């Protein structure tokens, strides 16, 4: 996936996050379902942002950004800031 595709995925995930919050506020989904789905959306967003950073790092050293692969969510979520 190229940068444009990754940003499209990020936009879709952000839209899903807003949709979940709206549905919860309207009482259309229960809090447990919202929380479960939000955790997945947030982890997927982290994975997308990580992939963009990996692509930028490859680009910065003159390598092909298309060689970057998404890290597993378990790895991305385990990063310490």
N, C-alpha and C. Protein backbone atom coordinates (compact mmCIF):
# COMPACT_ATOMS: atom_id res chain seq x y z
N UNK A 1 0.86 -1.17 0.00
CA UNK A 1 0.00 0.00 0.00
C UNK A 1 0.90 1.24 0.00
N UNK A 2 0.58 2.21 -0.85
CA UNK A 2 1.36 3.43 -0.89
C UNK A 2 0.83 4.43 0.16
N UNK A 3 1.52 5.58 0.26
CA UNK A 3 1.14 6.57 1.27
C UNK A 3 -0.32 7.01 1.11
N UNK A 4 -0.73 7.21 -0.14
CA UNK A 4 -2.10 7.65 -0.39
C UNK A 4 -3.11 6.61 0.12
N UNK A 5 -2.82 5.34 -0.11
CA UNK A 5 -3.69 4.28 0.38
C UNK A 5 -3.72 4.20 1.89
N UNK A 6 -2.57 4.43 2.51
CA UNK A 6 -2.50 4.41 3.98
C UNK A 6 -3.33 5.56 4.55
N UNK A 7 -3.19 6.75 3.94
CA UNK A 7 -3.98 7.89 4.42
C UNK A 7 -5.48 7.65 4.20
N UNK A 8 -5.84 6.98 3.13
CA UNK A 8 -7.25 6.65 2.91
C UNK A 8 -7.75 5.70 4.00
N UNK A 9 -6.91 4.74 4.38
CA UNK A 9 -7.27 3.82 5.46
C UNK A 9 -7.41 4.57 6.78
N UNK A 10 -6.50 5.50 7.04
CA UNK A 10 -6.58 6.30 8.26
C UNK A 10 -7.89 7.08 8.28
N UNK A 11 -8.23 7.72 7.16
CA UNK A 11 -9.48 8.48 7.10
C UNK A 11 -10.69 7.59 7.34
N UNK A 12 -10.68 6.39 6.80
CA UNK A 12 -11.79 5.45 7.00
C UNK A 12 -11.89 5.04 8.47
N UNK A 13 -10.75 4.81 9.10
CA UNK A 13 -10.75 4.41 10.51
C UNK A 13 -11.22 5.55 11.40
N UNK A 14 -10.81 6.77 11.09
CA UNK A 14 -11.26 7.93 11.87
C UNK A 14 -12.77 8.10 11.71
N UNK A 15 -13.28 7.92 10.49
CA UNK A 15 -14.72 8.01 10.27
C UNK A 15 -15.46 6.93 11.07
N UNK A 16 -14.89 5.72 11.11
CA UNK A 16 -15.51 4.64 11.90
C UNK A 16 -15.51 4.99 13.38
N UNK A 17 -14.41 5.58 13.84
CA UNK A 17 -14.33 5.98 15.25
C UNK A 17 -15.41 7.00 15.58
N UNK A 18 -15.59 7.99 14.73
CA UNK A 18 -16.64 9.00 14.94
C UNK A 18 -18.02 8.37 14.90
N UNK A 19 -18.21 7.43 13.97
CA UNK A 19 -19.50 6.74 13.86
C UNK A 19 -19.81 5.95 15.13
N UNK A 20 -18.81 5.27 15.65
CA UNK A 20 -19.02 4.50 16.88
C UNK A 20 -19.40 5.41 18.04
N UNK A 21 -18.71 6.52 18.15
CA UNK A 21 -19.01 7.45 19.25
C UNK A 21 -20.42 8.04 19.09
N UNK A 22 -20.81 8.33 17.88
CA UNK A 22 -22.16 8.87 17.63
C UNK A 22 -23.22 7.83 17.96
N UNK A 23 -22.98 6.59 17.55
CA UNK A 23 -23.94 5.52 17.84
C UNK A 23 -24.06 5.30 19.33
N UNK A 24 -22.96 5.36 20.03
CA UNK A 24 -22.98 5.18 21.49
C UNK A 24 -23.77 6.30 22.14
N UNK A 25 -23.53 7.54 21.70
CA UNK A 25 -24.24 8.69 22.25
C UNK A 25 -25.74 8.59 21.99
N UNK A 26 -26.10 8.00 20.86
CA UNK A 26 -27.52 7.86 20.51
C UNK A 26 -28.15 6.61 21.13
N UNK A 27 -27.33 5.81 21.80
CA UNK A 27 -27.85 4.58 22.41
C UNK A 27 -28.03 3.45 21.42
N UNK A 28 -27.42 3.56 20.24
CA UNK A 28 -27.59 2.53 19.21
C UNK A 28 -26.70 1.31 19.44
N UNK A 29 -25.64 1.47 20.21
CA UNK A 29 -24.78 0.33 20.58
C UNK A 29 -24.46 0.43 22.06
N UNK A 30 -24.19 -0.69 22.66
CA UNK A 30 -23.89 -0.68 24.10
C UNK A 30 -22.42 -0.32 24.32
N UNK A 31 -22.09 0.12 25.52
CA UNK A 31 -20.72 0.58 25.82
C UNK A 31 -19.66 -0.49 25.60
N UNK A 32 -19.97 -1.75 25.90
CA UNK A 32 -18.99 -2.81 25.73
C UNK A 32 -18.64 -3.02 24.26
N UNK A 33 -19.67 -2.98 23.40
CA UNK A 33 -19.43 -3.14 21.97
C UNK A 33 -18.62 -1.96 21.44
N UNK A 34 -18.99 -0.76 21.88
CA UNK A 34 -18.25 0.44 21.45
C UNK A 34 -16.79 0.32 21.86
N UNK A 35 -16.54 -0.04 23.10
CA UNK A 35 -15.17 -0.13 23.61
C UNK A 35 -14.36 -1.17 22.84
N UNK A 36 -14.96 -2.32 22.59
CA UNK A 36 -14.27 -3.37 21.86
C UNK A 36 -13.89 -2.92 20.46
N UNK A 37 -14.84 -2.33 19.78
CA UNK A 37 -14.60 -1.88 18.41
C UNK A 37 -13.63 -0.69 18.39
N UNK A 38 -13.74 0.20 19.37
CA UNK A 38 -12.81 1.34 19.43
C UNK A 38 -11.38 0.88 19.65
N UNK A 39 -11.20 -0.12 20.47
CA UNK A 39 -9.85 -0.65 20.70
C UNK A 39 -9.25 -1.15 19.39
N UNK A 40 -10.04 -1.85 18.61
CA UNK A 40 -9.56 -2.36 17.33
C UNK A 40 -9.24 -1.21 16.37
N UNK A 41 -10.12 -0.22 16.30
CA UNK A 41 -9.90 0.93 15.42
C UNK A 41 -8.64 1.67 15.84
N UNK A 42 -8.47 1.92 17.13
CA UNK A 42 -7.30 2.66 17.61
C UNK A 42 -6.01 1.89 17.34
N UNK A 43 -6.04 0.59 17.53
CA UNK A 43 -4.85 -0.22 17.24
C UNK A 43 -4.54 -0.22 15.75
N UNK A 44 -5.56 -0.27 14.93
CA UNK A 44 -5.36 -0.22 13.48
C UNK A 44 -4.80 1.13 13.05
N UNK A 45 -5.26 2.21 13.68
CA UNK A 45 -4.72 3.53 13.40
C UNK A 45 -3.23 3.59 13.77
N UNK A 46 -2.89 3.07 14.92
CA UNK A 46 -1.49 3.04 15.34
C UNK A 46 -0.64 2.28 14.32
N UNK A 47 -1.18 1.19 13.82
CA UNK A 47 -0.47 0.37 12.84
C UNK A 47 -0.25 1.15 11.54
N UNK A 48 -1.26 1.90 11.11
CA UNK A 48 -1.13 2.72 9.90
C UNK A 48 -0.07 3.80 10.08
N UNK A 49 -0.12 4.51 11.20
CA UNK A 49 0.86 5.57 11.44
C UNK A 49 2.27 4.98 11.52
N UNK A 50 2.40 3.83 12.12
CA UNK A 50 3.71 3.17 12.19
C UNK A 50 4.21 2.82 10.79
N UNK A 51 3.33 2.34 9.94
CA UNK A 51 3.73 1.99 8.58
C UNK A 51 4.19 3.24 7.82
N UNK A 52 3.51 4.35 8.02
CA UNK A 52 3.95 5.59 7.38
C UNK A 52 5.35 5.98 7.85
N UNK A 53 5.61 5.84 9.16
CA UNK A 53 6.95 6.15 9.69
C UNK A 53 7.99 5.20 9.11
N UNK A 54 7.66 3.94 8.96
CA UNK A 54 8.58 2.98 8.37
C UNK A 54 8.89 3.35 6.91
N UNK A 55 7.86 3.74 6.17
CA UNK A 55 8.05 4.15 4.79
C UNK A 55 8.93 5.40 4.71
N UNK A 56 8.69 6.36 5.60
CA UNK A 56 9.50 7.58 5.63
C UNK A 56 10.96 7.26 5.95
N UNK A 57 11.18 6.33 6.88
CA UNK A 57 12.55 5.96 7.25
C UNK A 57 13.28 5.33 6.07
N UNK A 58 12.62 4.47 5.35
CA UNK A 58 13.24 3.86 4.16
C UNK A 58 13.54 4.92 3.11
N UNK A 59 12.59 5.80 2.90
CA UNK A 59 12.76 6.87 1.93
C UNK A 59 13.95 7.75 2.31
N UNK A 60 14.11 8.04 3.60
CA UNK A 60 15.17 8.94 4.08
C UNK A 60 16.57 8.39 3.82
N UNK A 61 16.70 7.08 3.77
CA UNK A 61 18.02 6.48 3.53
C UNK A 61 18.17 6.00 2.09
N UNK A 62 17.24 6.43 1.23
CA UNK A 62 17.35 6.12 -0.18
C UNK A 62 16.85 4.76 -0.60
N UNK A 63 16.09 4.11 0.27
CA UNK A 63 15.53 2.80 -0.07
C UNK A 63 14.09 2.94 -0.54
N UNK A 64 13.56 1.88 -1.08
CA UNK A 64 12.20 1.87 -1.61
C UNK A 64 11.19 1.79 -0.46
N UNK A 65 10.33 2.80 -0.31
CA UNK A 65 9.34 2.76 0.77
C UNK A 65 8.35 1.61 0.63
N UNK A 66 8.21 1.08 -0.60
CA UNK A 66 7.29 -0.04 -0.80
C UNK A 66 7.80 -1.33 -0.16
N UNK A 67 9.05 -1.32 0.30
CA UNK A 67 9.58 -2.49 1.00
C UNK A 67 9.10 -2.56 2.45
N UNK A 68 8.53 -1.47 2.94
CA UNK A 68 8.02 -1.44 4.32
C UNK A 68 6.80 -2.33 4.43
N UNK A 69 6.73 -3.05 5.50
CA UNK A 69 5.59 -3.92 5.79
C UNK A 69 4.99 -3.52 7.13
N UNK A 70 3.68 -3.65 7.28
CA UNK A 70 3.06 -3.31 8.57
C UNK A 70 3.58 -4.23 9.68
N UNK A 71 3.88 -3.63 10.79
CA UNK A 71 4.25 -4.42 11.97
C UNK A 71 2.97 -5.00 12.56
N UNK A 72 3.08 -6.16 13.20
CA UNK A 72 1.89 -6.71 13.86
C UNK A 72 1.35 -5.73 14.91
N UNK A 73 0.05 -5.73 15.07
CA UNK A 73 -0.56 -4.83 16.05
C UNK A 73 0.03 -5.06 17.44
N UNK A 74 0.32 -6.30 17.78
CA UNK A 74 0.89 -6.58 19.10
C UNK A 74 2.23 -5.87 19.29
N UNK A 75 2.99 -5.76 18.22
CA UNK A 75 4.28 -5.05 18.30
C UNK A 75 4.06 -3.54 18.40
N UNK A 76 3.20 -3.01 17.53
CA UNK A 76 2.95 -1.57 17.51
C UNK A 76 2.39 -1.11 18.85
N UNK A 77 1.49 -1.88 19.40
CA UNK A 77 0.89 -1.50 20.67
C UNK A 77 1.85 -1.67 21.85
N UNK A 78 2.96 -2.36 21.63
CA UNK A 78 3.93 -2.57 22.70
C UNK A 78 5.03 -1.53 22.75
N UNK A 79 5.03 -0.59 21.79
CA UNK A 79 6.06 0.46 21.78
C UNK A 79 5.93 1.31 23.03
N UNK A 80 7.07 1.70 23.58
CA UNK A 80 7.09 2.58 24.75
C UNK A 80 7.49 3.96 24.26
N UNK A 81 6.74 4.95 24.67
CA UNK A 81 7.05 6.32 24.22
C UNK A 81 7.76 7.09 25.27
